[in-house]
């Protein structure tokens, strides 16, 4: 058991977890009259979401690789002795 893994990292998944991609705030493309400080806060929040998205993808990728390896191991255990 990995004590440093995110909650649920070692639990089986019936499919991919939903990792939602972050969307850049529209204020960066808005005319210069938009509130700079508010836009800066929104950009910081966007960047934080990008990192959370990346972490989500990493966790789900690792989970799916483990699942694939477990599947292959199960298949190998079912293989007739003469084929091993």
PDB file of N, CA and C in Angstrom:
ATOM      1  N   UNK A   1       0.849  -1.183   0.000  1.00  0.00           N
ATOM      2  CA  UNK A   1       0.000   0.000   0.000  1.00  0.00           C
ATOM      3  C   UNK A   1       0.891   1.242   0.000  1.00  0.00           C
ATOM      4  N   UNK A   2       0.598   2.166  -0.877  1.00  0.00           N
ATOM      5  CA  UNK A   2       1.374   3.401  -0.983  1.00  0.00           C
ATOM      6  C   UNK A   2       0.712   4.470  -0.118  1.00  0.00           C
ATOM      7  N   UNK A   3       1.388   4.853   0.965  1.00  0.00           N
ATOM      8  CA  UNK A   3       0.813   5.837   1.882  1.00  0.00           C
ATOM      9  C   UNK A   3       0.794   7.240   1.303  1.00  0.00           C
ATOM     10  N   UNK A   4       1.579   7.477   0.258  1.00  0.00           N
ATOM     11  CA  UNK A   4       1.665   8.810  -0.316  1.00  0.00           C
ATOM     12  C   UNK A   4       0.819   8.965  -1.572  1.00  0.00           C
ATOM     13  N   UNK A   5       0.133   7.928  -1.969  1.00  0.00           N
ATOM     14  CA  UNK A   5      -0.714   7.993  -3.161  1.00  0.00           C
ATOM     15  C   UNK A   5      -1.989   8.752  -2.839  1.00  0.00           C
ATOM     16  N   UNK A   6      -2.570   9.401  -3.843  1.00  0.00           N
ATOM     17  CA  UNK A   6      -3.844  10.082  -3.634  1.00  0.00           C
ATOM     18  C   UNK A   6      -4.923   9.073  -3.244  1.00  0.00           C
ATOM     19  N   UNK A   7      -5.972   9.518  -2.565  1.00  0.00           N
ATOM     20  CA  UNK A   7      -7.049   8.606  -2.178  1.00  0.00           C
ATOM     21  C   UNK A   7      -7.586   7.864  -3.394  1.00  0.00           C
ATOM     22  N   UNK A   8      -7.747   6.570  -3.244  1.00  0.00           N
ATOM     23  CA  UNK A   8      -8.303   5.770  -4.322  1.00  0.00           C
ATOM     24  C   UNK A   8      -7.303   5.360  -5.377  1.00  0.00           C
ATOM     25  N   UNK A   9      -6.036   5.706  -5.224  1.00  0.00           N
ATOM     26  CA  UNK A   9      -5.042   5.420  -6.259  1.00  0.00           C
ATOM     27  C   UNK A   9      -4.833   3.924  -6.454  1.00  0.00           C
ATOM     28  N   UNK A  10      -5.019   3.138  -5.400  1.00  0.00           N
ATOM     29  CA  UNK A  10      -4.794   1.701  -5.510  1.00  0.00           C
ATOM     30  C   UNK A  10      -6.085   0.916  -5.714  1.00  0.00           C
ATOM     31  N   UNK A  11      -7.192   1.603  -5.778  1.00  0.00           N
ATOM     32  CA  UNK A  11      -8.465   0.929  -5.948  1.00  0.00           C
ATOM     33  C   UNK A  11      -8.704   0.629  -7.420  1.00  0.00           C
ATOM     34  N   UNK A  12      -9.335  -0.512  -7.693  1.00  0.00           N
ATOM     35  CA  UNK A  12      -9.624  -0.821  -9.094  1.00  0.00           C
ATOM     36  C   UNK A  12     -10.620   0.171  -9.668  1.00  0.00           C
ATOM     37  N   UNK A  13     -10.492   0.413 -10.937  1.00  0.00           N
ATOM     38  CA  UNK A  13     -11.387   1.337 -11.628  1.00  0.00           C
ATOM     39  C   UNK A  13     -12.123   0.567 -12.709  1.00  0.00           C
ATOM     40  N   UNK A  14     -13.392   0.829 -12.865  1.00  0.00           N
ATOM     41  CA  UNK A  14     -14.155   0.152 -13.908  1.00  0.00           C
ATOM     42  C   UNK A  14     -13.881   0.766 -15.269  1.00  0.00           C
ATOM     43  N   UNK A  15     -13.179   1.842 -15.294  1.00  0.00           N
ATOM     44  CA  UNK A  15     -12.845   2.543 -16.531  1.00  0.00           C
ATOM     45  C   UNK A  15     -12.016   3.742 -16.165  1.00  0.00           C
ATOM     46  N   UNK A  16     -11.922   4.654 -17.068  1.00  0.00           N
ATOM     47  CA  UNK A  16     -11.134   5.847 -16.786  1.00  0.00           C
ATOM     48  C   UNK A  16     -11.903   6.779 -15.868  1.00  0.00           C
ATOM     49  N   UNK A  17     -11.180   7.368 -14.934  1.00  0.00           N
ATOM     50  CA  UNK A  17     -11.769   8.427 -14.127  1.00  0.00           C
ATOM     51  C   UNK A  17     -11.861   9.665 -14.996  1.00  0.00           C
ATOM     52  N   UNK A  18     -12.745  10.521 -14.653  1.00  0.00           N
ATOM     53  CA  UNK A  18     -12.913  11.738 -15.430  1.00  0.00           C
ATOM     54  C   UNK A  18     -11.888  12.767 -14.996  1.00  0.00           C
ATOM     55  N   UNK A  19     -10.948  13.055 -15.874  1.00  0.00           N
ATOM     56  CA  UNK A  19      -9.962  14.109 -15.648  1.00  0.00           C
ATOM     57  C   UNK A  19     -10.377  15.258 -16.558  1.00  0.00           C
ATOM     58  N   UNK A  20     -10.829  16.328 -15.962  1.00  0.00           N
ATOM     59  CA  UNK A  20     -11.371  17.446 -16.740  1.00  0.00           C
ATOM     60  C   UNK A  20     -10.267  18.446 -17.053  1.00  0.00           C
ATOM     61  N   UNK A  21     -10.068  18.699 -18.341  1.00  0.00           N
ATOM     62  CA  UNK A  21      -9.050  19.656 -18.775  1.00  0.00           C
ATOM     63  C   UNK A  21      -9.461  21.068 -18.381  1.00  0.00           C
ATOM     64  N   UNK A  22      -8.492  21.817 -17.924  1.00  0.00           N
ATOM     65  CA  UNK A  22      -8.736  23.209 -17.537  1.00  0.00           C
ATOM     66  C   UNK A  22      -8.910  24.072 -18.782  1.00  0.00           C
ATOM     67  N   UNK A  23      -9.752  25.065 -18.665  1.00  0.00           N
ATOM     68  CA  UNK A  23      -9.976  26.007 -19.766  1.00  0.00           C
ATOM     69  C   UNK A  23      -9.402  27.362 -19.378  1.00  0.00           C
ATOM     70  N   UNK A  24      -8.612  27.972 -20.269  1.00  0.00           N
ATOM     71  CA  UNK A  24      -8.047  29.284 -19.931  1.00  0.00           C
ATOM     72  C   UNK A  24      -9.153  30.315 -19.739  1.00  0.00           C
ATOM     73  N   UNK A  25      -8.951  31.251 -18.840  1.00  0.00           N
ATOM     74  CA  UNK A  25      -9.974  32.278 -18.624  1.00  0.00           C
ATOM     75  C   UNK A  25     -10.088  33.186 -19.843  1.00  0.00           C
ATOM     76  N   UNK A  26     -11.309  33.592 -20.122  1.00  0.00           N
ATOM     77  CA  UNK A  26     -11.544  34.436 -21.298  1.00  0.00           C
ATOM     78  C   UNK A  26     -11.011  35.855 -21.130  1.00  0.00           C
ATOM     79  N   UNK A  27     -10.698  36.237 -19.897  1.00  0.00           N
ATOM     80  CA  UNK A  27     -10.240  37.609 -19.668  1.00  0.00           C
ATOM     81  C   UNK A  27      -8.904  37.901 -20.353  1.00  0.00           C
ATOM     82  N   UNK A  28      -8.095  36.875 -20.617  1.00  0.00           N
ATOM     83  CA  UNK A  28      -6.800  37.133 -21.254  1.00  0.00           C
ATOM     84  C   UNK A  28      -6.962  37.564 -22.708  1.00  0.00           C
ATOM     85  N   UNK A  29      -8.074  37.208 -23.329  1.00  0.00           N
ATOM     86  CA  UNK A  29      -8.342  37.610 -24.710  1.00  0.00           C
ATOM     87  C   UNK A  29      -9.276  38.812 -24.791  1.00  0.00           C
ATOM     88  N   UNK A  30      -9.769  39.251 -23.636  1.00  0.00           N
ATOM     89  CA  UNK A  30     -10.715  40.374 -23.606  1.00  0.00           C
ATOM     90  C   UNK A  30      -9.978  41.693 -23.851  1.00  0.00           C
ATOM     91  N   UNK A  31     -10.705  42.692 -24.258  1.00  0.00           N
ATOM     92  CA  UNK A  31     -10.083  44.014 -24.431  1.00  0.00           C
ATOM     93  C   UNK A  31      -9.408  44.473 -23.141  1.00  0.00           C
ATOM     94  N   UNK A  32      -8.483  45.374 -23.256  1.00  0.00           N
ATOM     95  CA  UNK A  32      -7.659  45.835 -22.131  1.00  0.00           C
ATOM     96  C   UNK A  32      -8.469  46.398 -20.968  1.00  0.00           C
ATOM     97  N   UNK A  33      -9.732  46.706 -21.180  1.00  0.00           N
ATOM     98  CA  UNK A  33     -10.520  47.304 -20.104  1.00  0.00           C
ATOM     99  C   UNK A  33     -10.866  46.318 -18.983  1.00  0.00           C
ATOM    100  N   UNK A  34     -10.614  45.011 -19.197  1.00  0.00           N
ATOM    101  CA  UNK A  34     -10.943  44.049 -18.143  1.00  0.00           C
ATOM    102  C   UNK A  34     -10.042  44.267 -16.928  1.00  0.00           C
ATOM    103  N   UNK A  35     -10.560  43.924 -15.766  1.00  0.00           N
ATOM    104  CA  UNK A  35      -9.872  44.115 -14.488  1.00  0.00           C
ATOM    105  C   UNK A  35      -8.647  43.204 -14.425  1.00  0.00           C
ATOM    106  N   UNK A  36      -7.466  43.798 -14.425  1.00  0.00           N
ATOM    107  CA  UNK A  36      -6.211  43.040 -14.447  1.00  0.00           C
ATOM    108  C   UNK A  36      -6.077  42.133 -13.229  1.00  0.00           C
ATOM    109  N   UNK A  37      -6.349  42.658 -12.044  1.00  0.00           N
ATOM    110  CA  UNK A  37      -6.173  41.863 -10.822  1.00  0.00           C
ATOM    111  C   UNK A  37      -7.111  40.660 -10.795  1.00  0.00           C
ATOM    112  N   UNK A  38      -8.348  40.861 -11.209  1.00  0.00           N
ATOM    113  CA  UNK A  38      -9.299  39.757 -11.270  1.00  0.00           C
ATOM    114  C   UNK A  38      -8.834  38.729 -12.299  1.00  0.00           C
ATOM    115  N   UNK A  39      -8.372  39.198 -13.440  1.00  0.00           N
ATOM    116  CA  UNK A  39      -7.898  38.291 -14.484  1.00  0.00           C
ATOM    117  C   UNK A  39      -6.674  37.513 -13.997  1.00  0.00           C
ATOM    118  N   UNK A  40      -5.792  38.195 -13.284  1.00  0.00           N
ATOM    119  CA  UNK A  40      -4.599  37.531 -12.755  1.00  0.00           C
ATOM    120  C   UNK A  40      -4.992  36.412 -11.789  1.00  0.00           C
ATOM    121  N   UNK A  41      -5.986  36.643 -10.936  1.00  0.00           N
ATOM    122  CA  UNK A  41      -6.477  35.608 -10.017  1.00  0.00           C
ATOM    123  C   UNK A  41      -7.045  34.430 -10.805  1.00  0.00           C
ATOM    124  N   UNK A  42      -7.784  34.734 -11.849  1.00  0.00           N
ATOM    125  CA  UNK A  42      -8.376  33.667 -12.663  1.00  0.00           C
ATOM    126  C   UNK A  42      -7.304  32.857 -13.389  1.00  0.00           C
ATOM    127  N   UNK A  43      -6.247  33.529 -13.837  1.00  0.00           N
ATOM    128  CA  UNK A  43      -5.147  32.823 -14.501  1.00  0.00           C
ATOM    129  C   UNK A  43      -4.422  31.926 -13.496  1.00  0.00           C
ATOM    130  N   UNK A  44      -4.205  32.409 -12.272  1.00  0.00           N
ATOM    131  CA  UNK A  44      -3.566  31.574 -11.245  1.00  0.00           C
ATOM    132  C   UNK A  44      -4.425  30.341 -10.949  1.00  0.00           C
ATOM    133  N   UNK A  45      -5.727  30.532 -10.868  1.00  0.00           N
ATOM    134  CA  UNK A  45      -6.627  29.400 -10.634  1.00  0.00           C
ATOM    135  C   UNK A  45      -6.576  28.425 -11.812  1.00  0.00           C
ATOM    136  N   UNK A  46      -6.522  28.959 -13.010  1.00  0.00           N
ATOM    137  CA  UNK A  46      -6.415  28.127 -14.214  1.00  0.00           C
ATOM    138  C   UNK A  46      -5.139  27.286 -14.161  1.00  0.00           C
ATOM    139  N   UNK A  47      -4.013  27.909 -13.828  1.00  0.00           N
ATOM    140  CA  UNK A  47      -2.742  27.181 -13.762  1.00  0.00           C
ATOM    141  C   UNK A  47      -2.791  26.083 -12.704  1.00  0.00           C
ATOM    142  N   UNK A  48      -3.410  26.363 -11.572  1.00  0.00           N
ATOM    143  CA  UNK A  48      -3.561  25.341 -10.532  1.00  0.00           C
ATOM    144  C   UNK A  48      -4.393  24.172 -11.060  1.00  0.00           C
ATOM    145  N   UNK A  49      -5.437  24.475 -11.825  1.00  0.00           N
ATOM    146  CA  UNK A  49      -6.271  23.419 -12.403  1.00  0.00           C
ATOM    147  C   UNK A  49      -5.507  22.608 -13.439  1.00  0.00           C
ATOM    148  N   UNK A  50      -4.618  23.247 -14.186  1.00  0.00           N
ATOM    149  CA  UNK A  50      -3.796  22.525 -15.163  1.00  0.00           C
ATOM    150  C   UNK A  50      -2.937  21.487 -14.441  1.00  0.00           C
ATOM    151  N   UNK A  51      -2.336  21.879 -13.312  1.00  0.00           N
ATOM    152  CA  UNK A  51      -1.507  20.933 -12.562  1.00  0.00           C
ATOM    153  C   UNK A  51      -2.346  19.806 -11.964  1.00  0.00           C
ATOM    154  N   UNK A  52      -3.550  20.119 -11.470  1.00  0.00           N
ATOM    155  CA  UNK A  52      -4.438  19.064 -10.953  1.00  0.00           C
ATOM    156  C   UNK A  52      -4.844  18.111 -12.075  1.00  0.00           C
ATOM    157  N   UNK A  53      -5.098  18.641 -13.245  1.00  0.00           N
ATOM    158  CA  UNK A  53      -5.454  17.815 -14.405  1.00  0.00           C
ATOM    159  C   UNK A  53      -4.302  16.873 -14.747  1.00  0.00           C
ATOM    160  N   UNK A  54      -3.098  17.412 -14.762  1.00  0.00           N
ATOM    161  CA  UNK A  54      -1.925  16.592 -15.071  1.00  0.00           C
ATOM    162  C   UNK A  54      -1.765  15.474 -14.038  1.00  0.00           C
ATOM    163  N   UNK A  55      -1.930  15.788 -12.770  1.00  0.00           N
ATOM    164  CA  UNK A  55      -1.836  14.776 -11.716  1.00  0.00           C
ATOM    165  C   UNK A  55      -2.912  13.708 -11.888  1.00  0.00           C
ATOM    166  N   UNK A  56      -4.109  14.130 -12.234  1.00  0.00           N
ATOM    167  CA  UNK A  56      -5.210  13.190 -12.455  1.00  0.00           C
ATOM    168  C   UNK A  56      -4.855  12.224 -13.582  1.00  0.00           C
ATOM    169  N   UNK A  57      -4.324  12.753 -14.676  1.00  0.00           N
ATOM    170  CA  UNK A  57      -3.937  11.904 -15.804  1.00  0.00           C
ATOM    171  C   UNK A  57      -2.830  10.929 -15.413  1.00  0.00           C
ATOM    172  N   UNK A  58      -1.868  11.390 -14.628  1.00  0.00           N
ATOM    173  CA  UNK A  58      -0.779  10.510 -14.188  1.00  0.00           C
ATOM    174  C   UNK A  58      -1.314   9.371 -13.330  1.00  0.00           C
ATOM    175  N   UNK A  59      -2.177   9.701 -12.383  1.00  0.00           N
ATOM    176  CA  UNK A  59      -2.748   8.683 -11.494  1.00  0.00           C
ATOM    177  C   UNK A  59      -3.563   7.682 -12.301  1.00  0.00           C
ATOM    178  N   UNK A  60      -4.386   8.167 -13.208  1.00  0.00           N
ATOM    179  CA  UNK A  60      -5.229   7.263 -13.986  1.00  0.00           C
ATOM    180  C   UNK A  60      -4.392   6.416 -14.936  1.00  0.00           C
ATOM    181  N   UNK A  61      -3.347   6.982 -15.510  1.00  0.00           N
ATOM    182  CA  UNK A  61      -2.466   6.206 -16.384  1.00  0.00           C
ATOM    183  C   UNK A  61      -1.805   5.081 -15.600  1.00  0.00           C
ATOM    184  N   UNK A  62      -1.283   5.387 -14.421  1.00  0.00           N
ATOM    185  CA  UNK A  62      -0.654   4.363 -13.584  1.00  0.00           C
ATOM    186  C   UNK A  62      -1.655   3.277 -13.201  1.00  0.00           C
ATOM    187  N   UNK A  63      -2.864   3.674 -12.879  1.00  0.00           N
ATOM    188  CA  UNK A  63      -3.896   2.704 -12.494  1.00  0.00           C
ATOM    189  C   UNK A  63      -4.221   1.778 -13.663  1.00  0.00           C
ATOM    190  N   UNK A  64      -4.343   2.338 -14.844  1.00  0.00           N
ATOM    191  CA  UNK A  64      -4.688   1.523 -16.003  1.00  0.00           C
ATOM    192  C   UNK A  64      -3.543   0.594 -16.409  1.00  0.00           C
ATOM    193  N   UNK A  65      -2.302   1.030 -16.255  1.00  0.00           N
ATOM    194  CA  UNK A  65      -1.158   0.157 -16.538  1.00  0.00           C
ATOM    195  C   UNK A  65      -1.144  -1.009 -15.551  1.00  0.00           C
ATOM    196  N   UNK A  66      -1.379  -0.724 -14.261  1.00  0.00           N
ATOM    197  CA  UNK A  66      -1.460  -1.806 -13.267  1.00  0.00           C
ATOM    198  C   UNK A  66      -2.580  -2.775 -13.622  1.00  0.00           C
ATOM    199  N   UNK A  67      -3.701  -2.235 -14.046  1.00  0.00           N
ATOM    200  CA  UNK A  67      -4.845  -3.074 -14.406  1.00  0.00           C
ATOM    201  C   UNK A  67      -4.508  -3.962 -15.600  1.00  0.00           C
ATOM    202  N   UNK A  68      -3.826  -3.401 -16.590  1.00  0.00           N
ATOM    203  CA  UNK A  68      -3.422  -4.187 -17.760  1.00  0.00           C
ATOM    204  C   UNK A  68      -2.436  -5.279 -17.351  1.00  0.00           C
ATOM    205  N   UNK A  69      -1.479  -4.941 -16.494  1.00  0.00           N
ATOM    206  CA  UNK A  69      -0.512  -5.939 -16.024  1.00  0.00           C
ATOM    207  C   UNK A  69      -1.199  -7.045 -15.236  1.00  0.00           C
ATOM    208  N   UNK A  70      -2.146  -6.684 -14.387  1.00  0.00           N
ATOM    209  CA  UNK A  70      -2.905  -7.690 -13.636  1.00  0.00           C
ATOM    210  C   UNK A  70      -3.673  -8.607 -14.581  1.00  0.00           C
ATOM    211  N   UNK A  71      -4.242  -8.040 -15.621  1.00  0.00           N
ATOM    212  CA  UNK A  71      -4.989  -8.829 -16.603  1.00  0.00           C
ATOM    213  C   UNK A  71      -4.069  -9.830 -17.292  1.00  0.00           C
ATOM    214  N   UNK A  72      -2.886  -9.377 -17.690  1.00  0.00           N
ATOM    215  CA  UNK A  72      -1.923 -10.282 -18.324  1.00  0.00           C
ATOM    216  C   UNK A  72      -1.476 -11.375 -17.364  1.00  0.00           C
ATOM    217  N   UNK A  73      -1.256 -11.021 -16.105  1.00  0.00           N
ATOM    218  CA  UNK A  73      -0.868 -12.023 -15.108  1.00  0.00           C
ATOM    219  C   UNK A  73      -1.959 -13.073 -14.935  1.00  0.00           C
ATOM    220  N   UNK A  74      -3.206 -12.646 -14.898  1.00  0.00           N
ATOM    221  CA  UNK A  74      -4.321 -13.592 -14.765  1.00  0.00           C
ATOM    222  C   UNK A  74      -4.382 -14.524 -15.968  1.00  0.00           C
ATOM    223  N   UNK A  75      -4.166 -13.987 -17.148  1.00  0.00           N
ATOM    224  CA  UNK A  75      -4.180 -14.811 -18.355  1.00  0.00           C
ATOM    225  C   UNK A  75      -3.051 -15.833 -18.311  1.00  0.00           C
ATOM    226  N   UNK A  76      -1.876 -15.420 -17.884  1.00  0.00           N
ATOM    227  CA  UNK A  76      -0.734 -16.340 -17.808  1.00  0.00           C
ATOM    228  C   UNK A  76      -1.002 -17.473 -16.827  1.00  0.00           C
ATOM    229  N   UNK A  77      -1.693 -17.177 -15.725  1.00  0.00           N
ATOM    230  CA  UNK A  77      -2.006 -18.221 -14.743  1.00  0.00           C
ATOM    231  C   UNK A  77      -3.001 -19.234 -15.299  1.00  0.00           C
ATOM    232  N   UNK A  78      -3.808 -18.840 -16.268  1.00  0.00           N
ATOM    233  CA  UNK A  78      -4.783 -19.748 -16.869  1.00  0.00           C
ATOM    234  C   UNK A  78      -4.172 -20.576 -17.992  1.00  0.00           C
ATOM    235  N   UNK A  79      -2.981 -20.206 -18.427  1.00  0.00           N
ATOM    236  CA  UNK A  79      -2.337 -20.867 -19.553  1.00  0.00           C
ATOM    237  C   UNK A  79      -2.053 -22.331 -19.205  1.00  0.00           C
ATOM    238  N   UNK A  80      -2.358 -23.253 -20.121  1.00  0.00           N
ATOM    239  CA  UNK A  80      -2.065 -24.675 -19.876  1.00  0.00           C
ATOM    240  C   UNK A  80      -0.570 -24.878 -19.623  1.00  0.00           C
ATOM    241  N   UNK A  81      -0.223 -25.861 -18.815  1.00  0.00           N
ATOM    242  CA  UNK A  81       1.167 -26.107 -18.425  1.00  0.00           C
ATOM    243  C   UNK A  81       2.082 -26.306 -19.624  1.00  0.00           C
ATOM    244  N   UNK A  82       1.646 -26.999 -20.677  1.00  0.00           N
ATOM    245  CA  UNK A  82       2.523 -27.266 -21.817  1.00  0.00           C
ATOM    246  C   UNK A  82       2.861 -25.997 -22.596  1.00  0.00           C
ATOM    247  N   UNK A  83       2.093 -24.944 -22.425  1.00  0.00           N
ATOM    248  CA  UNK A  83       2.357 -23.692 -23.146  1.00  0.00           C
ATOM    249  C   UNK A  83       3.226 -22.749 -22.336  1.00  0.00           C
ATOM    250  N   UNK A  84       3.451 -23.033 -21.063  1.00  0.00           N
ATOM    251  CA  UNK A  84       4.197 -22.113 -20.193  1.00  0.00           C
ATOM    252  C   UNK A  84       5.655 -22.184 -20.408  1.00  0.00           C
TER     253      UNK A  84
END
